[in-house]
Amino acid sequence: MIEQRIGEFMNNEDQLAQFIFLFVMIFVTVPGGILSLSLLLMINSSEEKLKYTYLLSQDDKMYQTFMAI
C-alpha cells in the first residue's frame, strides 16, 4: 500500500518536472531564437540597416513604456 502511494507520488512529481522543464525550454528557446535571428540580420545587413534596426528597437522600447503608462 505504501509502495503504491510512493509510486503515485513519484509519478505526479515526474509530470510536474516535465511541465516545468517544458515551460523553461519554451522561455529559453523563444527569446533565444529571436535574438539569434536579429543577430544574423545585423551581421548580414549594412551599417545603415543596422542603425535602422537599432532605431526600431528603441522605438519599440518607447512604445512598451508608453503602453505601461
N, C-alpha and C. Protein backbone atom coordinates (compact mmCIF):
# COMPACT_ATOMS: atom_id res chain seq x y z
N MET A 1 0.83 -1.21 0.00
CA MET A 1 0.00 0.00 0.00
C MET A 1 0.87 1.26 0.00
N ILE A 2 1.86 1.28 0.90
CA ILE A 2 2.75 2.44 0.99
C ILE A 2 3.55 2.58 -0.30
N GLU A 3 4.04 1.45 -0.83
CA GLU A 3 4.82 1.48 -2.06
C GLU A 3 4.00 2.05 -3.21
N GLN A 4 2.72 1.68 -3.25
CA GLN A 4 1.83 2.17 -4.30
C GLN A 4 1.67 3.69 -4.19
N ARG A 5 1.50 4.16 -2.97
CA ARG A 5 1.36 5.61 -2.73
C ARG A 5 2.62 6.35 -3.19
N ILE A 6 3.77 5.80 -2.83
CA ILE A 6 5.05 6.41 -3.22
C ILE A 6 5.15 6.45 -4.74
N GLY A 7 4.75 5.35 -5.38
CA GLY A 7 4.78 5.29 -6.84
C GLY A 7 3.89 6.36 -7.46
N GLU A 8 2.70 6.54 -6.92
CA GLU A 8 1.78 7.57 -7.43
C GLU A 8 2.38 8.96 -7.25
N PHE A 9 2.97 9.18 -6.07
CA PHE A 9 3.57 10.48 -5.77
C PHE A 9 4.72 10.78 -6.74
N MET A 10 5.55 9.77 -6.96
CA MET A 10 6.68 9.93 -7.88
C MET A 10 6.18 10.23 -9.29
N ASN A 11 5.10 9.57 -9.67
CA ASN A 11 4.53 9.78 -10.99
C ASN A 11 4.05 11.23 -11.14
N ASN A 12 3.34 11.73 -10.14
CA ASN A 12 2.86 13.11 -10.18
C ASN A 12 4.01 14.10 -10.22
N GLU A 13 5.03 13.83 -9.42
CA GLU A 13 6.19 14.71 -9.38
C GLU A 13 6.89 14.72 -10.73
N ASP A 14 6.94 13.56 -11.37
CA ASP A 14 7.57 13.45 -12.69
C ASP A 14 6.82 14.31 -13.70
N GLN A 15 5.50 14.27 -13.66
CA GLN A 15 4.70 15.09 -14.57
C GLN A 15 4.96 16.57 -14.33
N LEU A 16 5.04 16.96 -13.07
CA LEU A 16 5.32 18.35 -12.72
C LEU A 16 6.69 18.77 -13.24
N ALA A 17 7.67 17.89 -13.06
CA ALA A 17 9.02 18.18 -13.53
C ALA A 17 9.03 18.35 -15.04
N GLN A 18 8.31 17.48 -15.75
CA GLN A 18 8.24 17.58 -17.20
C GLN A 18 7.60 18.91 -17.61
N PHE A 19 6.54 19.30 -16.92
CA PHE A 19 5.85 20.55 -17.21
C PHE A 19 6.77 21.75 -17.01
N ILE A 20 7.50 21.74 -15.87
CA ILE A 20 8.43 22.84 -15.57
C ILE A 20 9.53 22.88 -16.62
N PHE A 21 10.05 21.71 -16.98
CA PHE A 21 11.11 21.63 -17.99
C PHE A 21 10.63 22.21 -19.31
N LEU A 22 9.41 21.83 -19.73
CA LEU A 22 8.84 22.33 -20.97
C LEU A 22 8.70 23.84 -20.92
N PHE A 23 8.18 24.34 -19.80
CA PHE A 23 7.97 25.77 -19.61
C PHE A 23 9.29 26.53 -19.74
N VAL A 24 10.32 26.01 -19.06
CA VAL A 24 11.64 26.65 -19.09
C VAL A 24 12.22 26.61 -20.49
N MET A 25 12.07 25.46 -21.17
CA MET A 25 12.60 25.33 -22.52
C MET A 25 11.94 26.33 -23.46
N ILE A 26 10.62 26.49 -23.35
CA ILE A 26 9.91 27.45 -24.20
C ILE A 26 10.42 28.86 -23.90
N PHE A 27 10.57 29.17 -22.62
CA PHE A 27 11.03 30.51 -22.22
C PHE A 27 12.44 30.79 -22.73
N VAL A 28 13.28 29.75 -22.75
CA VAL A 28 14.67 29.93 -23.18
C VAL A 28 14.76 30.00 -24.70
N THR A 29 14.05 29.10 -25.39
CA THR A 29 14.23 28.98 -26.84
C THR A 29 13.59 30.12 -27.62
N VAL A 30 12.41 30.59 -27.19
CA VAL A 30 11.73 31.63 -27.97
C VAL A 30 12.52 32.93 -28.01
N PRO A 31 12.89 33.53 -26.86
CA PRO A 31 13.69 34.75 -26.94
C PRO A 31 15.07 34.49 -27.54
N GLY A 32 15.63 33.31 -27.26
CA GLY A 32 16.93 32.95 -27.82
C GLY A 32 16.88 32.91 -29.34
N GLY A 33 15.81 32.32 -29.87
CA GLY A 33 15.64 32.25 -31.32
C GLY A 33 15.49 33.63 -31.93
N ILE A 34 14.70 34.48 -31.29
CA ILE A 34 14.51 35.85 -31.79
C ILE A 34 15.83 36.60 -31.76
N LEU A 35 16.57 36.44 -30.66
CA LEU A 35 17.86 37.11 -30.51
C LEU A 35 18.84 36.68 -31.59
N SER A 36 18.93 35.36 -31.82
CA SER A 36 19.87 34.86 -32.82
C SER A 36 19.48 35.32 -34.22
N LEU A 37 18.17 35.35 -34.49
CA LEU A 37 17.70 35.83 -35.79
C LEU A 37 18.08 37.29 -36.00
N SER A 38 17.86 38.11 -34.99
CA SER A 38 18.19 39.53 -35.11
C SER A 38 19.70 39.72 -35.26
N LEU A 39 20.48 38.89 -34.56
CA LEU A 39 21.93 38.96 -34.69
C LEU A 39 22.36 38.60 -36.10
N LEU A 40 21.74 37.54 -36.66
CA LEU A 40 22.05 37.15 -38.03
C LEU A 40 21.72 38.28 -39.00
N LEU A 41 20.56 38.89 -38.80
CA LEU A 41 20.15 40.01 -39.66
C LEU A 41 21.14 41.16 -39.55
N MET A 42 21.58 41.44 -38.33
CA MET A 42 22.53 42.54 -38.11
C MET A 42 23.86 42.26 -38.80
N ILE A 43 24.30 41.00 -38.73
CA ILE A 43 25.58 40.63 -39.35
C ILE A 43 25.47 40.76 -40.88
N ASN A 44 24.32 40.33 -41.42
CA ASN A 44 24.15 40.35 -42.87
C ASN A 44 23.85 41.74 -43.42
N SER A 45 23.34 42.63 -42.58
CA SER A 45 22.92 43.94 -43.08
C SER A 45 24.08 44.93 -43.10
N SER A 46 23.87 45.99 -43.86
CA SER A 46 24.88 47.05 -43.92
C SER A 46 24.76 47.95 -42.70
N GLU A 47 25.63 48.96 -42.62
CA GLU A 47 25.65 49.83 -41.44
C GLU A 47 24.36 50.64 -41.33
N GLU A 48 23.84 51.12 -42.44
CA GLU A 48 22.61 51.91 -42.41
C GLU A 48 21.44 51.08 -41.88
N LYS A 49 21.36 49.84 -42.35
CA LYS A 49 20.30 48.95 -41.89
C LYS A 49 20.47 48.68 -40.39
N LEU A 50 21.72 48.58 -39.95
CA LEU A 50 21.99 48.37 -38.54
C LEU A 50 21.41 49.51 -37.72
N LYS A 51 21.68 50.74 -38.17
CA LYS A 51 21.14 51.91 -37.48
C LYS A 51 19.62 51.85 -37.46
N TYR A 52 19.05 51.43 -38.58
CA TYR A 52 17.59 51.37 -38.69
C TYR A 52 17.01 50.35 -37.71
N THR A 53 17.64 49.17 -37.62
CA THR A 53 17.14 48.15 -36.69
C THR A 53 17.28 48.64 -35.25
N TYR A 54 18.39 49.34 -34.97
CA TYR A 54 18.58 49.89 -33.62
C TYR A 54 17.49 50.90 -33.30
N LEU A 55 17.20 51.78 -34.26
CA LEU A 55 16.14 52.77 -34.06
C LEU A 55 14.80 52.08 -33.84
N LEU A 56 14.54 51.02 -34.61
CA LEU A 56 13.29 50.28 -34.45
C LEU A 56 13.18 49.70 -33.05
N SER A 57 14.28 49.12 -32.56
CA SER A 57 14.24 48.52 -31.23
C SER A 57 14.03 49.60 -30.16
N GLN A 58 14.67 50.76 -30.35
CA GLN A 58 14.48 51.87 -29.42
C GLN A 58 13.02 52.32 -29.44
N ASP A 59 12.46 52.43 -30.64
CA ASP A 59 11.07 52.85 -30.81
C ASP A 59 10.15 51.85 -30.11
N ASP A 60 10.46 50.56 -30.24
CA ASP A 60 9.66 49.51 -29.61
C ASP A 60 9.71 49.65 -28.09
N LYS A 61 10.89 49.94 -27.56
CA LYS A 61 11.03 50.12 -26.11
C LYS A 61 10.19 51.31 -25.65
N MET A 62 10.24 52.41 -26.41
CA MET A 62 9.46 53.59 -26.06
C MET A 62 7.98 53.27 -26.09
N TYR A 63 7.56 52.51 -27.10
CA TYR A 63 6.16 52.13 -27.22
C TYR A 63 5.73 51.28 -26.02
N GLN A 64 6.59 50.34 -25.63
CA GLN A 64 6.28 49.48 -24.49
C GLN A 64 6.13 50.29 -23.21
N THR A 65 7.04 51.25 -22.99
CA THR A 65 6.96 52.07 -21.78
C THR A 65 5.71 52.94 -21.83
N PHE A 66 5.37 53.43 -23.01
CA PHE A 66 4.17 54.25 -23.17
C PHE A 66 2.93 53.43 -22.84
N MET A 67 2.90 52.18 -23.32
CA MET A 67 1.76 51.31 -23.05
C MET A 67 1.67 50.99 -21.55
N ALA A 68 2.82 50.90 -20.90
CA ALA A 68 2.85 50.62 -19.46
C ALA A 68 2.24 51.78 -18.67
N ILE A 69 2.47 53.01 -19.16
CA ILE A 69 1.92 54.21 -18.51
C ILE A 69 0.42 54.25 -18.78
